[in-house]
Protein backbone atom coordinates (compact mmCIF):
# COMPACT_ATOMS: atom_id res chain seq x y z
CA MET A 1 118.62 71.82 126.18
CA PRO A 2 118.14 68.84 123.82
CA GLU A 3 116.38 69.35 120.50
CA HIS A 4 113.88 66.58 121.25
CA PHE A 5 110.28 67.02 120.16
CA ARG A 6 107.38 65.69 122.23
CA LEU A 7 104.57 65.18 119.75
CA GLN A 8 101.92 63.98 122.20
CA GLN A 9 102.24 67.04 124.39
CA TYR A 10 101.94 69.25 121.31
CA ILE A 11 98.85 67.36 120.13
CA SER A 12 97.25 67.80 123.54
CA ARG A 13 98.05 71.52 123.49
CA VAL A 14 96.37 72.10 120.11
CA GLY A 15 93.49 69.73 120.89
CA VAL A 16 93.61 67.44 117.86
CA ALA A 17 92.19 63.92 118.11
CA GLY A 18 92.32 60.96 115.77
CA PRO A 19 94.98 59.50 113.47
CA LEU A 20 97.68 61.72 111.99
CA SER A 21 99.15 60.96 108.57
CA PRO A 22 101.40 62.97 106.22
CA ASP A 23 98.53 64.09 103.99
CA PHE A 24 96.66 67.30 103.27
CA ALA A 25 93.74 66.50 105.58
CA THR A 26 96.07 66.20 108.56
CA LEU A 27 98.07 69.26 107.54
CA ALA A 28 94.94 71.41 107.28
CA ARG A 29 93.51 70.06 110.53
CA LEU A 30 96.71 70.73 112.46
CA HIS A 31 97.17 74.18 110.92
CA ALA A 32 93.68 75.32 111.95
CA ALA A 33 93.99 73.80 115.42
CA HIS A 34 97.40 75.36 116.03
CA VAL A 35 96.37 78.97 115.32
CA ASP A 36 93.24 78.55 117.44
CA ALA A 37 95.09 77.08 120.44
CA ILE A 38 98.48 78.86 120.35
CA PRO A 39 98.10 82.60 119.73
CA PHE A 40 100.59 84.76 117.95
CA GLU A 41 102.08 87.05 120.59
CA GLY A 42 105.16 89.20 121.03
CA LEU A 43 105.12 89.55 124.80
CA ASP A 44 108.77 88.66 125.25
CA PRO A 45 110.17 91.35 122.91
CA PHE A 46 107.64 93.83 124.34
CA CYS A 47 108.80 93.00 127.87
CA ARG A 48 112.48 93.11 126.83
CA ARG A 49 112.91 89.38 127.31
CA PRO A 50 115.08 87.24 124.99
CA VAL A 51 113.47 84.93 122.42
CA SER A 52 115.16 81.52 122.17
CA LEU A 53 114.91 79.38 119.05
CA ASP A 54 116.05 76.24 120.84
CA LEU A 55 113.30 73.70 120.19
CA GLY A 56 113.23 72.60 123.80
CA ALA A 57 112.80 76.18 124.97
CA ILE A 58 110.03 76.75 122.41
CA GLN A 59 108.18 73.65 123.63
CA GLU A 60 108.52 74.71 127.26
CA LYS A 61 107.14 78.13 126.42
CA LEU A 62 104.38 77.47 123.85
CA VAL A 63 103.32 73.95 124.87
CA ASP A 64 104.09 73.48 128.56
CA GLY A 65 103.95 77.13 129.60
CA ARG A 66 100.64 78.01 127.89
CA ARG A 67 102.20 80.86 125.96
CA GLY A 68 102.11 82.01 122.37
CA GLY A 69 105.00 83.26 120.29
CA TYR A 70 105.90 84.96 117.06
CA CYS A 71 106.83 83.57 113.65
CA PHE A 72 110.21 82.01 114.42
CA GLU A 73 108.86 80.17 117.46
CA GLN A 74 105.50 79.24 115.96
CA ASN A 75 106.83 77.85 112.71
CA HIS A 76 109.78 76.05 114.32
CA LEU A 77 107.27 74.31 116.56
CA PHE A 78 104.89 73.52 113.71
CA LYS A 79 107.74 72.21 111.53
CA ALA A 80 108.89 69.88 114.29
CA ALA A 81 105.36 68.49 114.67
CA LEU A 82 104.92 67.98 110.94
CA GLU A 83 108.29 66.26 110.54
CA ASP A 84 107.56 63.97 113.49
CA ILE A 85 104.36 62.89 111.74
CA GLY A 86 106.27 62.23 108.51
CA PHE A 87 105.81 65.35 106.37
CA THR A 88 108.59 66.73 104.17
CA VAL A 89 109.07 70.35 105.26
CA THR A 90 111.41 73.10 104.05
CA SER A 91 112.06 76.26 106.09
CA LEU A 92 111.74 79.50 104.10
CA ALA A 93 112.01 83.22 104.83
CA GLY A 94 109.92 86.18 103.75
CA ARG A 95 110.22 89.96 103.47
CA VAL A 96 107.26 91.55 105.26
CA ARG A 97 105.20 94.05 103.21
CA TRP A 98 102.04 94.41 105.31
CA MET A 99 102.79 97.95 106.53
CA SER A 100 104.87 99.01 103.49
CA ALA A 101 103.86 101.35 100.71
CA PRO A 102 103.59 99.53 97.36
CA ASP A 103 106.65 101.36 96.02
CA ALA A 104 108.77 101.01 99.16
CA PRO A 105 112.05 99.08 98.79
CA LEU A 106 112.17 95.50 100.02
CA GLY A 107 113.17 95.03 103.63
CA PRO A 108 115.16 92.20 105.21
CA ARG A 109 113.93 88.61 105.50
CA THR A 110 112.42 88.79 108.98
CA HIS A 111 109.60 86.26 108.64
CA MET A 112 109.72 82.46 108.82
CA LEU A 113 107.35 80.30 106.79
CA LEU A 114 107.25 76.68 105.64
CA LYS A 115 106.91 74.71 102.42
CA VAL A 116 105.28 71.32 102.80
CA ASP A 117 105.63 68.88 99.89
CA LEU A 118 102.70 66.54 99.25
CA PRO A 119 101.99 64.23 96.30
CA GLU A 120 99.41 66.70 94.98
CA GLY A 121 101.79 69.67 95.17
CA ALA A 122 103.73 72.01 97.44
CA TYR A 123 101.87 73.99 100.12
CA LEU A 124 102.70 77.14 102.04
CA ALA A 125 102.15 76.56 105.76
CA ASP A 126 102.49 79.50 108.11
CA VAL A 127 101.10 79.64 111.65
CA GLY A 128 103.05 82.76 112.63
CA PHE A 129 102.27 85.85 110.54
CA GLY A 130 100.93 88.17 113.19
CA ALA A 131 99.08 90.73 111.14
CA ARG A 132 96.96 88.20 109.27
CA VAL A 133 97.44 84.73 110.75
CA LEU A 134 96.61 82.06 108.17
CA ASP A 135 94.03 79.50 109.21
CA SER A 136 94.91 77.00 106.47
CA PRO A 137 97.82 75.95 104.27
CA LEU A 138 97.79 77.35 100.73
CA LEU A 139 98.77 75.64 97.51
CA ILE A 140 101.92 77.24 96.10
CA LYS A 141 100.34 78.14 92.79
CA THR A 142 100.19 81.63 91.36
CA ASP A 143 97.30 83.72 90.03
CA ILE A 144 94.45 81.83 91.64
CA GLU A 145 92.26 82.90 94.55
CA GLN A 146 92.36 80.49 97.48
CA ARG A 147 89.54 80.75 99.98
CA THR A 148 89.83 79.50 103.53
CA VAL A 149 87.27 79.70 106.31
CA MET A 150 88.81 82.94 107.54
CA GLY A 151 90.06 84.65 104.41
CA THR A 152 90.83 84.79 100.70
CA TYR A 153 94.42 84.76 99.48
CA ARG A 154 96.47 84.67 96.30
CA LEU A 155 100.08 84.26 95.24
CA ASN A 156 101.66 86.30 92.46
CA GLU A 157 105.17 86.06 91.06
CA SER A 158 107.37 89.00 90.10
CA ASP A 159 111.13 89.26 89.56
CA GLY A 160 111.71 85.80 91.00
CA LEU A 161 109.72 86.41 94.18
CA LEU A 162 106.33 85.10 95.25
CA ALA A 163 104.02 87.64 96.89
CA LEU A 164 101.28 86.46 99.25
CA SER A 165 98.29 88.82 99.42
CA ALA A 166 95.09 88.82 101.48
CA TRP A 167 91.74 90.19 100.36
CA GLN A 168 90.29 92.95 102.54
CA ALA A 169 87.39 95.32 102.14
CA ALA A 170 89.72 97.89 100.55
CA GLY A 171 91.18 95.34 98.13
CA TRP A 172 94.25 93.11 97.98
CA ARG A 173 97.00 93.75 100.54
CA THR A 174 100.43 92.14 100.29
CA MET A 175 101.50 90.23 103.38
CA TYR A 176 105.05 89.25 102.45
CA MET A 177 107.31 88.22 99.58
CA PHE A 178 109.53 85.13 99.47
CA ASN A 179 111.29 82.61 97.30
CA LEU A 180 111.87 78.87 97.73
CA GLU A 181 115.48 79.08 98.92
CA PRO A 182 115.84 76.87 102.03
CA GLN A 183 116.95 78.62 105.21
CA ILE A 184 119.17 77.27 107.98
CA ARG A 185 119.18 77.86 111.73
CA SER A 186 121.73 80.69 111.60
CA ASP A 187 119.56 82.62 109.12
CA TYR A 188 116.76 82.64 111.67
CA GLU A 189 119.00 83.37 114.65
CA LEU A 190 120.13 86.61 113.04
CA ALA A 191 116.63 87.62 111.93
CA ASN A 192 115.16 86.68 115.31
CA TYR A 193 117.62 88.86 117.23
CA PHE A 194 116.98 91.80 114.91
CA THR A 195 113.20 91.42 115.07
CA ALA A 196 113.09 91.01 118.85
CA THR A 197 115.42 93.88 119.74
CA ASN A 198 115.53 96.53 117.02
CA PRO A 199 113.25 99.50 117.85
CA LEU A 200 112.48 99.91 114.14
CA THR A 201 110.58 96.60 114.18
CA PRO A 202 107.05 96.46 115.65
CA PHE A 203 107.64 94.10 118.57
CA PRO A 204 109.84 95.91 121.12
CA ASN A 205 107.43 98.85 121.32
CA ASN A 206 104.01 97.36 120.58
CA LEU A 207 101.88 94.69 122.18
CA ILE A 208 100.64 92.45 119.37
CA ILE A 209 98.52 89.35 120.01
CA GLU A 210 96.28 87.43 117.59
CA ARG A 211 94.24 84.25 117.69
CA VAL A 212 92.15 82.79 114.85
CA SER A 213 89.13 80.69 115.78
CA THR A 214 86.75 78.90 113.45
CA ASP A 215 84.74 82.05 112.73
CA GLN A 216 86.47 85.08 114.27
CA ARG A 217 89.88 86.71 114.46
CA PHE A 218 90.80 88.19 117.87
CA LYS A 219 93.52 90.83 118.22
CA ILE A 220 95.19 93.02 120.79
CA ALA A 221 97.04 96.02 119.40
CA ASN A 222 98.40 97.92 122.39
CA ARG A 223 95.29 99.33 124.17
CA ARG A 224 92.82 98.09 121.55
CA PHE A 225 90.94 94.78 121.59
CA ILE A 226 89.62 93.98 118.11
CA ILE A 227 87.42 91.26 116.64
CA GLU A 228 87.51 90.80 112.86
CA ASP A 229 85.40 88.77 110.48
CA HIS A 230 86.71 86.40 107.81
CA ASN A 231 87.50 89.24 105.39
CA GLY A 232 89.45 91.26 107.92
CA ALA A 233 86.62 93.75 108.51
CA ILE A 234 86.29 94.95 112.11
CA ALA A 235 83.25 93.43 113.79
CA ALA A 236 83.95 94.96 117.21
CA GLU A 237 86.61 97.20 118.73
CA ARG A 238 87.12 98.72 122.15
CA GLU A 239 89.76 100.08 124.48
CA ILE A 240 91.29 97.80 127.11
CA GLU A 241 90.23 99.60 130.25
CA SER A 242 92.20 98.14 133.15
CA VAL A 243 94.66 95.56 134.41
CA ALA A 244 91.76 93.25 135.22
CA ASP A 245 90.33 93.70 131.73
CA LEU A 246 93.66 92.77 130.12
CA ALA A 247 94.04 89.78 132.47
CA ARG A 248 90.57 88.53 131.45
CA LEU A 249 91.48 88.78 127.77
CA PHE A 250 94.69 86.84 128.32
CA GLU A 251 92.83 84.10 130.15
CA GLU A 252 89.45 83.89 128.44
CA ILE A 253 90.14 84.89 124.83
CA PHE A 254 93.80 84.05 124.21
CA ASN A 255 94.35 81.32 126.84
CA ILE A 256 97.87 82.45 127.67
CA VAL A 257 99.87 83.01 130.85
CA PRO A 258 101.93 86.21 130.53
CA PRO A 259 105.65 86.10 131.44
CA VAL A 260 105.44 89.08 133.81
CA PRO A 261 102.65 90.50 135.98
CA VAL A 262 99.76 91.83 133.91
CA ALA A 263 100.05 95.17 135.70
CA GLU A 264 103.51 95.66 134.16
CA ILE A 265 102.18 94.98 130.68
CA PHE A 266 99.20 97.29 131.16
CA ALA A 267 101.47 100.06 132.41
CA ARG A 268 103.56 99.78 129.25
CA ILE A 269 100.63 99.81 126.82
CA ALA A 270 99.17 102.79 128.65
CA THR A 271 102.15 104.83 127.44
CA VAL A 272 102.17 103.62 123.80
């Protein structure tokens, strides 16, 4: 499958209108539109389906097929769009800390993120971190609080690594740690296979879906449907009651077409 990117189809999928230039205004507009239109979801690993990092396959899935994806797919797609517009983008990798104890050893680099260089500075762009999807790019500058519509974030540096943290009601929580070493395709192929298939990672055994709108964060975590406010506090939470209920959430809240019958997915989450 050729690695050819179709920008206009992507723009239609995320619903952005108007001129696109390699500047911060366009970057921020695309970032917010992307996470609203293309949810984070790990349906393929959960359904024991392979995850391809071929750009053509990603476009067919996330753009043409009305699906979401996880970090490697989301950020490969976003990088292709940005580069087609004229941005200078570097692929990076992070070590996830969201579920780790503060004193736990660092894990492998299983998260993809992007550095976008602009005249005013370098920005972290990431449309694929599924525990706390970013709604806006962040300036790569340490020890300052950066507020977006849907959250407050900061970067700290320690032992040569940058740590991205999100503010929650209980305080700061580290999302992941990374450095500015560029990554190549083979780095992601290895991490993608591990993340999609290893039972020690969240995705093979948990249904995880997230979409960030302009004022709410919607999540599915196995049998739970959750709505969060801009600080990550739970505004509403309930159990997903039936196959029809899950199908309605897919269609009306997340705007995705699942890869297998919804009944199969519901049967799996009923046992988690």
